[in-house]
Amino acid sequence: MSGSSGRVVDLDVRVEPDEVLRMMGCGKQTRVRPEHQALVERLIEETRPRIHARGTYRVHPVTRMTDTELALGSYPPVRGPIAGFLRPATRVAAFVVTVGDEIERLADQRLRAGARLEGYVLNAVGSAAADAAVDALADVVYFEEAGADEALTPPFSPGYCGLPLEEQISVFAVVNAKAIGVRLLPTMIMQPIKSVSGLIGIGNSEQVEAHGVPCQWCDLTTCIMRR
């Protein structure tokens, strides 16, 4: 269990070419040139030993949840379109994950050297790795925290789906992000940049399934985060 002080975990992350291409704006029907596909696959292999994925999370009972606010005990409330994502949850895992800064630094090196395409792809690899770290952390939460009749909601992160980026302050109040080397700047950007914060709901499996995924009724069909 996560306990009152939260939990820190090492995460096993595998980056898939399709996810990198998605980060580059390629949809499922996009035709990718063979040389670009080969470049993505080569850079995934090059960066594999540079990914150091870690996460920290803390599970807390839901004190109050409305359409616009989530309260977890005495922590600062999270304000935004909460209910659409977390309504079935009776507990919520606040989390931060990171893949470190090595891919970010490598991308900067390539960009400075004039290898713009490689730098662009490397940034996409880092973003895909951070997303994969969220999925890996969700697996940990499911197997370590959820009961036999419980399921998880999709992760919900500040900066997406109407949840203001400033709500990262509330997430960081719940978890000890310093334990994995992540800090939140006044600009609301995390360092290392390839880090993600957010919330995962834990609730009755039948209710979670009945609630569905918010992407099902979202009109933003071009969103790269669409599930």
C-alpha atoms as a PDB file:
ATOM      1  CA  MET A   1       0.000   0.000   0.000  1.00  0.00           C
ATOM      2  CA  SER A   2       1.154   3.573  -0.549  1.00  0.00           C
ATOM      3  CA  GLY A   3       0.946   4.567   3.103  1.00  0.00           C
ATOM      4  CA  SER A   4       0.790   8.022   4.606  1.00  0.00           C
ATOM      5  CA  SER A   5       4.167   9.019   3.151  1.00  0.00           C
ATOM      6  CA  GLY A   6       3.480   7.751  -0.360  1.00  0.00           C
ATOM      7  CA  ARG A   7       5.468   5.280  -2.380  1.00  0.00           C
ATOM      8  CA  VAL A   8       8.417   5.525  -4.782  1.00  0.00           C
ATOM      9  CA  VAL A   9       8.758   2.926  -7.549  1.00  0.00           C
ATOM     10  CA  ASP A  10      11.107   2.146 -10.421  1.00  0.00           C
ATOM     11  CA  LEU A  11       9.138   1.704 -13.635  1.00  0.00           C
ATOM     12  CA  ASP A  12       9.705  -0.629 -16.569  1.00  0.00           C
ATOM     13  CA  VAL A  13       9.010   1.428 -19.677  1.00  0.00           C
ATOM     14  CA  ARG A  14       8.874   0.307 -23.291  1.00  0.00           C
ATOM     15  CA  VAL A  15       8.540   2.943 -26.002  1.00  0.00           C
ATOM     16  CA  GLU A  16       6.599   1.918 -29.113  1.00  0.00           C
ATOM     17  CA  PRO A  17       7.189   3.542 -32.541  1.00  0.00           C
ATOM     18  CA  ASP A  18       3.462   4.210 -33.008  1.00  0.00           C
ATOM     19  CA  GLU A  19       3.390   6.219 -29.772  1.00  0.00           C
ATOM     20  CA  VAL A  20       6.378   8.312 -30.867  1.00  0.00           C
ATOM     21  CA  LEU A  21       4.686   8.998 -34.203  1.00  0.00           C
ATOM     22  CA  ARG A  22       1.513   9.973 -32.340  1.00  0.00           C
ATOM     23  CA  MET A  23       3.534  12.513 -30.348  1.00  0.00           C
ATOM     24  CA  MET A  24       4.779  13.847 -33.691  1.00  0.00           C
ATOM     25  CA  GLY A  25       1.185  14.440 -34.789  1.00  0.00           C
ATOM     26  CA  CYS A  26       0.776  11.349 -36.959  1.00  0.00           C
ATOM     27  CA  GLY A  27      -2.678   9.817 -36.804  1.00  0.00           C
ATOM     28  CA  LYS A  28      -3.508   6.158 -37.295  1.00  0.00           C
ATOM     29  CA  GLN A  29      -4.200   6.746 -40.989  1.00  0.00           C
ATOM     30  CA  THR A  30      -1.072   8.844 -41.601  1.00  0.00           C
ATOM     31  CA  ARG A  31       1.331   7.393 -44.163  1.00  0.00           C
ATOM     32  CA  VAL A  32       4.840   7.551 -42.729  1.00  0.00           C
ATOM     33  CA  ARG A  33       7.823   7.594 -45.053  1.00  0.00           C
ATOM     34  CA  PRO A  34      10.031   4.501 -44.597  1.00  0.00           C
ATOM     35  CA  GLU A  35      13.112   6.577 -43.780  1.00  0.00           C
ATOM     36  CA  HIS A  36      11.212   8.414 -41.038  1.00  0.00           C
ATOM     37  CA  GLN A  37       9.918   5.137 -39.590  1.00  0.00           C
ATOM     38  CA  ALA A  38      13.487   3.803 -39.587  1.00  0.00           C
ATOM     39  CA  LEU A  39      14.745   6.959 -37.860  1.00  0.00           C
ATOM     40  CA  VAL A  40      12.125   6.657 -35.126  1.00  0.00           C
ATOM     41  CA  GLU A  41      13.010   3.018 -34.525  1.00  0.00           C
ATOM     42  CA  ARG A  42      16.751   3.770 -34.463  1.00  0.00           C
ATOM     43  CA  LEU A  43      16.384   6.587 -31.956  1.00  0.00           C
ATOM     44  CA  ILE A  44      14.143   4.465 -29.725  1.00  0.00           C
ATOM     45  CA  GLU A  45      16.926   1.888 -29.551  1.00  0.00           C
ATOM     46  CA  GLU A  46      19.559   4.581 -28.978  1.00  0.00           C
ATOM     47  CA  THR A  47      17.649   6.074 -26.065  1.00  0.00           C
ATOM     48  CA  ARG A  48      16.584   2.821 -24.410  1.00  0.00           C
ATOM     49  CA  PRO A  49      19.507   2.825 -21.910  1.00  0.00           C
ATOM     50  CA  ARG A  50      18.956   6.540 -21.251  1.00  0.00           C
ATOM     51  CA  ILE A  51      15.434   6.121 -19.876  1.00  0.00           C
ATOM     52  CA  HIS A  52      15.416   6.128 -16.079  1.00  0.00           C
ATOM     53  CA  ALA A  53      11.721   5.938 -15.272  1.00  0.00           C
ATOM     54  CA  ARG A  54      10.586   6.429 -11.699  1.00  0.00           C
ATOM     55  CA  GLY A  55       7.327   7.380 -10.091  1.00  0.00           C
ATOM     56  CA  THR A  56       5.863   8.378  -6.783  1.00  0.00           C
ATOM     57  CA  TYR A  57       2.234   8.238  -5.726  1.00  0.00           C
ATOM     58  CA  ARG A  58      -0.009   8.544  -2.708  1.00  0.00           C
ATOM     59  CA  VAL A  59      -3.534   7.147  -2.402  1.00  0.00           C
ATOM     60  CA  HIS A  60      -6.054   9.170  -0.410  1.00  0.00           C
ATOM     61  CA  PRO A  61      -9.800   8.696   0.220  1.00  0.00           C
ATOM     62  CA  VAL A  62     -12.063  11.159  -1.570  1.00  0.00           C
ATOM     63  CA  THR A  63     -13.386  13.657   0.958  1.00  0.00           C
ATOM     64  CA  ARG A  64     -15.595  15.530  -1.500  1.00  0.00           C
ATOM     65  CA  MET A  65     -16.104  15.489  -5.256  1.00  0.00           C
ATOM     66  CA  THR A  66     -18.252  17.866  -7.277  1.00  0.00           C
ATOM     67  CA  ASP A  67     -18.395  18.656 -10.984  1.00  0.00           C
ATOM     68  CA  THR A  68     -15.673  21.252 -10.477  1.00  0.00           C
ATOM     69  CA  GLU A  69     -13.672  20.279  -7.401  1.00  0.00           C
ATOM     70  CA  LEU A  70     -11.942  17.333  -5.722  1.00  0.00           C
ATOM     71  CA  ALA A  71     -10.987  17.394  -2.041  1.00  0.00           C
ATOM     72  CA  LEU A  72      -8.546  14.881  -0.576  1.00  0.00           C
ATOM     73  CA  GLY A  73      -8.514  15.438   3.170  1.00  0.00           C
ATOM     74  CA  SER A  74      -6.699  18.587   4.247  1.00  0.00           C
ATOM     75  CA  TYR A  75      -4.744  18.978   1.002  1.00  0.00           C
ATOM     76  CA  PRO A  76      -5.509  21.917  -1.312  1.00  0.00           C
ATOM     77  CA  PRO A  77      -8.492  21.001  -3.531  1.00  0.00           C
ATOM     78  CA  VAL A  78      -8.016  20.245  -7.210  1.00  0.00           C
ATOM     79  CA  ARG A  79     -10.284  22.472  -9.288  1.00  0.00           C
ATOM     80  CA  GLY A  80     -11.458  21.630 -12.791  1.00  0.00           C
ATOM     81  CA  PRO A  81     -13.848  19.275 -14.632  1.00  0.00           C
ATOM     82  CA  ILE A  82     -13.157  16.521 -12.121  1.00  0.00           C
ATOM     83  CA  ALA A  83     -16.380  14.524 -12.181  1.00  0.00           C
ATOM     84  CA  GLY A  84     -16.175  13.664 -15.862  1.00  0.00           C
ATOM     85  CA  PHE A  85     -12.974  11.764 -15.190  1.00  0.00           C
ATOM     86  CA  LEU A  86     -13.052  10.620 -11.580  1.00  0.00           C
ATOM     87  CA  ARG A  87     -16.727  10.463 -10.537  1.00  0.00           C
ATOM     88  CA  PRO A  88     -16.826   6.687  -9.723  1.00  0.00           C
ATOM     89  CA  ALA A  89     -13.717   6.927  -7.545  1.00  0.00           C
ATOM     90  CA  THR A  90     -13.821   6.569  -3.777  1.00  0.00           C
ATOM     91  CA  ARG A  91     -10.039   6.898  -3.568  1.00  0.00           C
ATOM     92  CA  VAL A  92      -7.588   8.812  -5.724  1.00  0.00           C
ATOM     93  CA  ALA A  93      -3.898   8.239  -6.399  1.00  0.00           C
ATOM     94  CA  ALA A  94      -2.018  11.494  -6.932  1.00  0.00           C
ATOM     95  CA  PHE A  95       1.194  10.814  -8.840  1.00  0.00           C
ATOM     96  CA  VAL A  96       4.309  12.192 -10.487  1.00  0.00           C
ATOM     97  CA  VAL A  97       6.477  10.215 -12.904  1.00  0.00           C
ATOM     98  CA  THR A  98       9.667  11.074 -14.778  1.00  0.00           C
ATOM     99  CA  VAL A  99      12.031   9.462 -17.259  1.00  0.00           C
ATOM    100  CA  GLY A 100      14.953  11.657 -16.242  1.00  0.00           C
ATOM    101  CA  ASP A 101      16.737  14.296 -18.291  1.00  0.00           C
ATOM    102  CA  GLU A 102      19.116  12.290 -20.504  1.00  0.00           C
ATOM    103  CA  ILE A 103      16.823  12.173 -23.554  1.00  0.00           C
ATOM    104  CA  GLU A 104      16.060  15.871 -23.141  1.00  0.00           C
ATOM    105  CA  ARG A 105      19.785  16.709 -23.089  1.00  0.00           C
ATOM    106  CA  LEU A 106      20.476  14.454 -26.080  1.00  0.00           C
ATOM    107  CA  ALA A 107      17.705  16.167 -28.057  1.00  0.00           C
ATOM    108  CA  ASP A 108      19.186  19.576 -27.230  1.00  0.00           C
ATOM    109  CA  GLN A 109      22.627  18.400 -28.372  1.00  0.00           C
ATOM    110  CA  ARG A 110      21.284  17.222 -31.722  1.00  0.00           C
ATOM    111  CA  LEU A 111      19.353  20.455 -32.240  1.00  0.00           C
ATOM    112  CA  ARG A 112      22.436  22.564 -31.489  1.00  0.00           C
ATOM    113  CA  ALA A 113      24.418  20.429 -33.930  1.00  0.00           C
ATOM    114  CA  GLY A 114      21.897  21.197 -36.668  1.00  0.00           C
ATOM    115  CA  ALA A 115      20.263  17.757 -36.690  1.00  0.00           C
ATOM    116  CA  ARG A 116      16.795  19.247 -36.346  1.00  0.00           C
ATOM    117  CA  LEU A 117      14.814  16.192 -37.375  1.00  0.00           C
ATOM    118  CA  GLU A 118      16.678  13.955 -34.926  1.00  0.00           C
ATOM    119  CA  GLY A 119      16.204  16.510 -32.166  1.00  0.00           C
ATOM    120  CA  TYR A 120      12.488  16.691 -32.925  1.00  0.00           C
ATOM    121  CA  VAL A 121      12.115  12.910 -32.933  1.00  0.00           C
ATOM    122  CA  LEU A 122      14.114  12.587 -29.705  1.00  0.00           C
ATOM    123  CA  ASN A 123      11.769  15.036 -28.004  1.00  0.00           C
ATOM    124  CA  ALA A 124       8.850  12.885 -29.176  1.00  0.00           C
ATOM    125  CA  VAL A 125      10.593   9.754 -27.866  1.00  0.00           C
ATOM    126  CA  GLY A 126      10.959  11.424 -24.467  1.00  0.00           C
ATOM    127  CA  SER A 127       7.291  12.405 -24.404  1.00  0.00           C
ATOM    128  CA  ALA A 128       6.214   8.893 -25.401  1.00  0.00           C
ATOM    129  CA  ALA A 129       8.460   7.455 -22.689  1.00  0.00           C
ATOM    130  CA  ALA A 130       6.884   9.742 -20.080  1.00  0.00           C
ATOM    131  CA  ASP A 131       3.406   8.627 -21.182  1.00  0.00           C
ATOM    132  CA  ALA A 132       4.508   4.997 -20.981  1.00  0.00           C
ATOM    133  CA  ALA A 133       5.754   5.696 -17.454  1.00  0.00           C
ATOM    134  CA  VAL A 134       2.248   6.869 -16.505  1.00  0.00           C
ATOM    135  CA  ASP A 135       0.797   3.613 -17.835  1.00  0.00           C
ATOM    136  CA  ALA A 136       3.419   1.628 -15.914  1.00  0.00           C
ATOM    137  CA  LEU A 137       2.599   3.505 -12.725  1.00  0.00           C
ATOM    138  CA  ALA A 138      -1.122   2.857 -13.262  1.00  0.00           C
ATOM    139  CA  ASP A 139      -0.295  -0.859 -13.397  1.00  0.00           C
ATOM    140  CA  VAL A 140       1.482  -0.564 -10.043  1.00  0.00           C
ATOM    141  CA  VAL A 141      -1.486   1.270  -8.525  1.00  0.00           C
ATOM    142  CA  TYR A 142      -3.885  -1.360  -9.847  1.00  0.00           C
ATOM    143  CA  PHE A 143      -1.971  -4.374  -8.559  1.00  0.00           C
ATOM    144  CA  GLU A 144      -0.891  -2.808  -5.262  1.00  0.00           C
ATOM    145  CA  GLU A 145      -3.876  -0.667  -4.291  1.00  0.00           C
ATOM    146  CA  ALA A 146      -7.093  -1.802  -6.005  1.00  0.00           C
ATOM    147  CA  GLY A 147      -9.314  -4.427  -4.423  1.00  0.00           C
ATOM    148  CA  ALA A 148     -10.752  -7.456  -6.201  1.00  0.00           C
ATOM    149  CA  ASP A 149     -13.917  -5.563  -7.161  1.00  0.00           C
ATOM    150  CA  GLU A 150     -12.197  -2.280  -8.059  1.00  0.00           C
ATOM    151  CA  ALA A 151     -10.869  -0.722 -11.253  1.00  0.00           C
ATOM    152  CA  LEU A 152      -8.977   2.425 -12.228  1.00  0.00           C
ATOM    153  CA  THR A 153     -10.119   5.488 -14.128  1.00  0.00           C
ATOM    154  CA  PRO A 154      -7.837   6.780 -16.902  1.00  0.00           C
ATOM    155  CA  PRO A 155      -5.044   9.073 -15.641  1.00  0.00           C
ATOM    156  CA  PHE A 156      -6.083  12.742 -15.578  1.00  0.00           C
ATOM    157  CA  SER A 157      -3.268  15.309 -15.826  1.00  0.00           C
ATOM    158  CA  PRO A 158      -3.193  19.094 -15.377  1.00  0.00           C
ATOM    159  CA  GLY A 159      -2.914  20.833 -18.713  1.00  0.00           C
ATOM    160  CA  TYR A 160      -5.227  18.396 -20.479  1.00  0.00           C
ATOM    161  CA  CYS A 161      -8.986  18.020 -20.930  1.00  0.00           C
ATOM    162  CA  GLY A 162      -9.840  21.308 -19.259  1.00  0.00           C
ATOM    163  CA  LEU A 163      -7.841  20.767 -16.056  1.00  0.00           C
ATOM    164  CA  PRO A 164      -5.746  23.941 -15.594  1.00  0.00           C
ATOM    165  CA  LEU A 165      -1.972  23.497 -15.568  1.00  0.00           C
ATOM    166  CA  GLU A 166      -1.869  25.411 -12.272  1.00  0.00           C
ATOM    167  CA  GLU A 167      -3.580  22.467 -10.572  1.00  0.00           C
ATOM    168  CA  GLN A 168      -0.174  20.797 -10.539  1.00  0.00           C
ATOM    169  CA  ILE A 169       0.380  22.772  -7.338  1.00  0.00           C
ATOM    170  CA  SER A 170      -2.363  20.752  -5.640  1.00  0.00           C
ATOM    171  CA  VAL A 171      -0.995  17.458  -6.989  1.00  0.00           C
ATOM    172  CA  PHE A 172       2.513  18.306  -5.775  1.00  0.00           C
ATOM    173  CA  ALA A 173       1.087  19.084  -2.326  1.00  0.00           C
ATOM    174  CA  VAL A 174      -0.047  15.459  -2.031  1.00  0.00           C
ATOM    175  CA  VAL A 175       3.050  13.649  -3.315  1.00  0.00           C
ATOM    176  CA  ASN A 176       6.742  14.058  -2.528  1.00  0.00           C
ATOM    177  CA  ALA A 177       8.053  14.632  -6.044  1.00  0.00           C
ATOM    178  CA  LYS A 178      11.514  15.479  -4.711  1.00  0.00           C
ATOM    179  CA  ALA A 179      11.879  11.788  -3.881  1.00  0.00           C
ATOM    180  CA  ILE A 180      12.242  11.099  -7.620  1.00  0.00           C
ATOM    181  CA  GLY A 181      14.147  14.281  -8.435  1.00  0.00           C
ATOM    182  CA  VAL A 182      11.249  16.286  -9.882  1.00  0.00           C
ATOM    183  CA  ARG A 183      10.476  19.890  -9.028  1.00  0.00           C
ATOM    184  CA  LEU A 184       7.744  22.244 -10.161  1.00  0.00           C
ATOM    185  CA  LEU A 185       8.894  25.640 -11.392  1.00  0.00           C
ATOM    186  CA  PRO A 186       6.849  28.848 -10.916  1.00  0.00           C
ATOM    187  CA  THR A 187       6.060  28.624 -14.653  1.00  0.00           C
ATOM    188  CA  MET A 188       4.241  25.305 -13.924  1.00  0.00           C
ATOM    189  CA  ILE A 189       6.861  23.438 -15.961  1.00  0.00           C
ATOM    190  CA  MET A 190       8.413  20.418 -14.301  1.00  0.00           C
ATOM    191  CA  GLN A 191      12.095  19.609 -14.252  1.00  0.00           C
ATOM    192  CA  PRO A 192      13.060  17.221 -15.735  1.00  0.00           C
ATOM    193  CA  ILE A 193      10.742  18.290 -18.544  1.00  0.00           C
ATOM    194  CA  LYS A 194       9.847  14.731 -19.490  1.00  0.00           C
ATOM    195  CA  SER A 195       7.747  14.292 -16.359  1.00  0.00           C
ATOM    196  CA  VAL A 196       4.003  13.948 -15.842  1.00  0.00           C
ATOM    197  CA  SER A 197       1.774  14.651 -12.847  1.00  0.00           C
ATOM    198  CA  GLY A 198      -1.836  13.679 -12.374  1.00  0.00           C
ATOM    199  CA  LEU A 199      -4.619  11.750 -10.698  1.00  0.00           C
ATOM    200  CA  ILE A 200      -5.935   8.201 -11.039  1.00  0.00           C
ATOM    201  CA  GLY A 201      -9.287   7.245  -9.537  1.00  0.00           C
ATOM    202  CA  ILE A 202      -9.915   3.917  -7.795  1.00  0.00           C
ATOM    203  CA  GLY A 203     -13.512   2.756  -7.551  1.00  0.00           C
ATOM    204  CA  ASN A 204     -16.028  -0.017  -7.981  1.00  0.00           C
ATOM    205  CA  SER A 205     -15.224  -1.817 -11.232  1.00  0.00           C
ATOM    206  CA  GLU A 206     -18.828  -1.920 -12.479  1.00  0.00           C
ATOM    207  CA  GLN A 207     -19.294   1.796 -11.840  1.00  0.00           C
ATOM    208  CA  VAL A 208     -15.968   2.673 -13.478  1.00  0.00           C
ATOM    209  CA  GLU A 209     -16.865   0.620 -16.557  1.00  0.00           C
ATOM    210  CA  ALA A 210     -20.345   2.140 -16.742  1.00  0.00           C
ATOM    211  CA  HIS A 211     -18.900   5.653 -16.483  1.00  0.00           C
ATOM    212  CA  GLY A 212     -16.718   5.006 -19.524  1.00  0.00           C
ATOM    213  CA  VAL A 213     -13.813   7.020 -20.886  1.00  0.00           C
ATOM    214  CA  PRO A 214     -14.316  10.808 -21.263  1.00  0.00           C
ATOM    215  CA  CYS A 215     -12.807  10.642 -24.758  1.00  0.00           C
ATOM    216  CA  GLN A 216     -16.027   8.905 -25.812  1.00  0.00           C
ATOM    217  CA  TRP A 217     -17.996  12.147 -25.561  1.00  0.00           C
ATOM    218  CA  CYS A 218     -15.226  14.678 -26.206  1.00  0.00           C
ATOM    219  CA  ASP A 219     -15.577  16.681 -29.443  1.00  0.00           C
ATOM    220  CA  LEU A 220     -11.825  17.257 -29.846  1.00  0.00           C
ATOM    221  CA  THR A 221     -11.235  14.432 -32.311  1.00  0.00           C
ATOM    222  CA  THR A 222      -7.731  15.655 -33.230  1.00  0.00           C
ATOM    223  CA  CYS A 223      -6.381  15.426 -29.657  1.00  0.00           C
ATOM    224  CA  ILE A 224      -3.184  13.332 -29.574  1.00  0.00           C
ATOM    225  CA  MET A 225      -4.108  12.124 -26.079  1.00  0.00           C
ATOM    226  CA  ARG A 226      -7.390  10.636 -27.300  1.00  0.00           C
ATOM    227  CA  ARG A 227      -7.927   7.067 -26.040  1.00  0.00           C
END
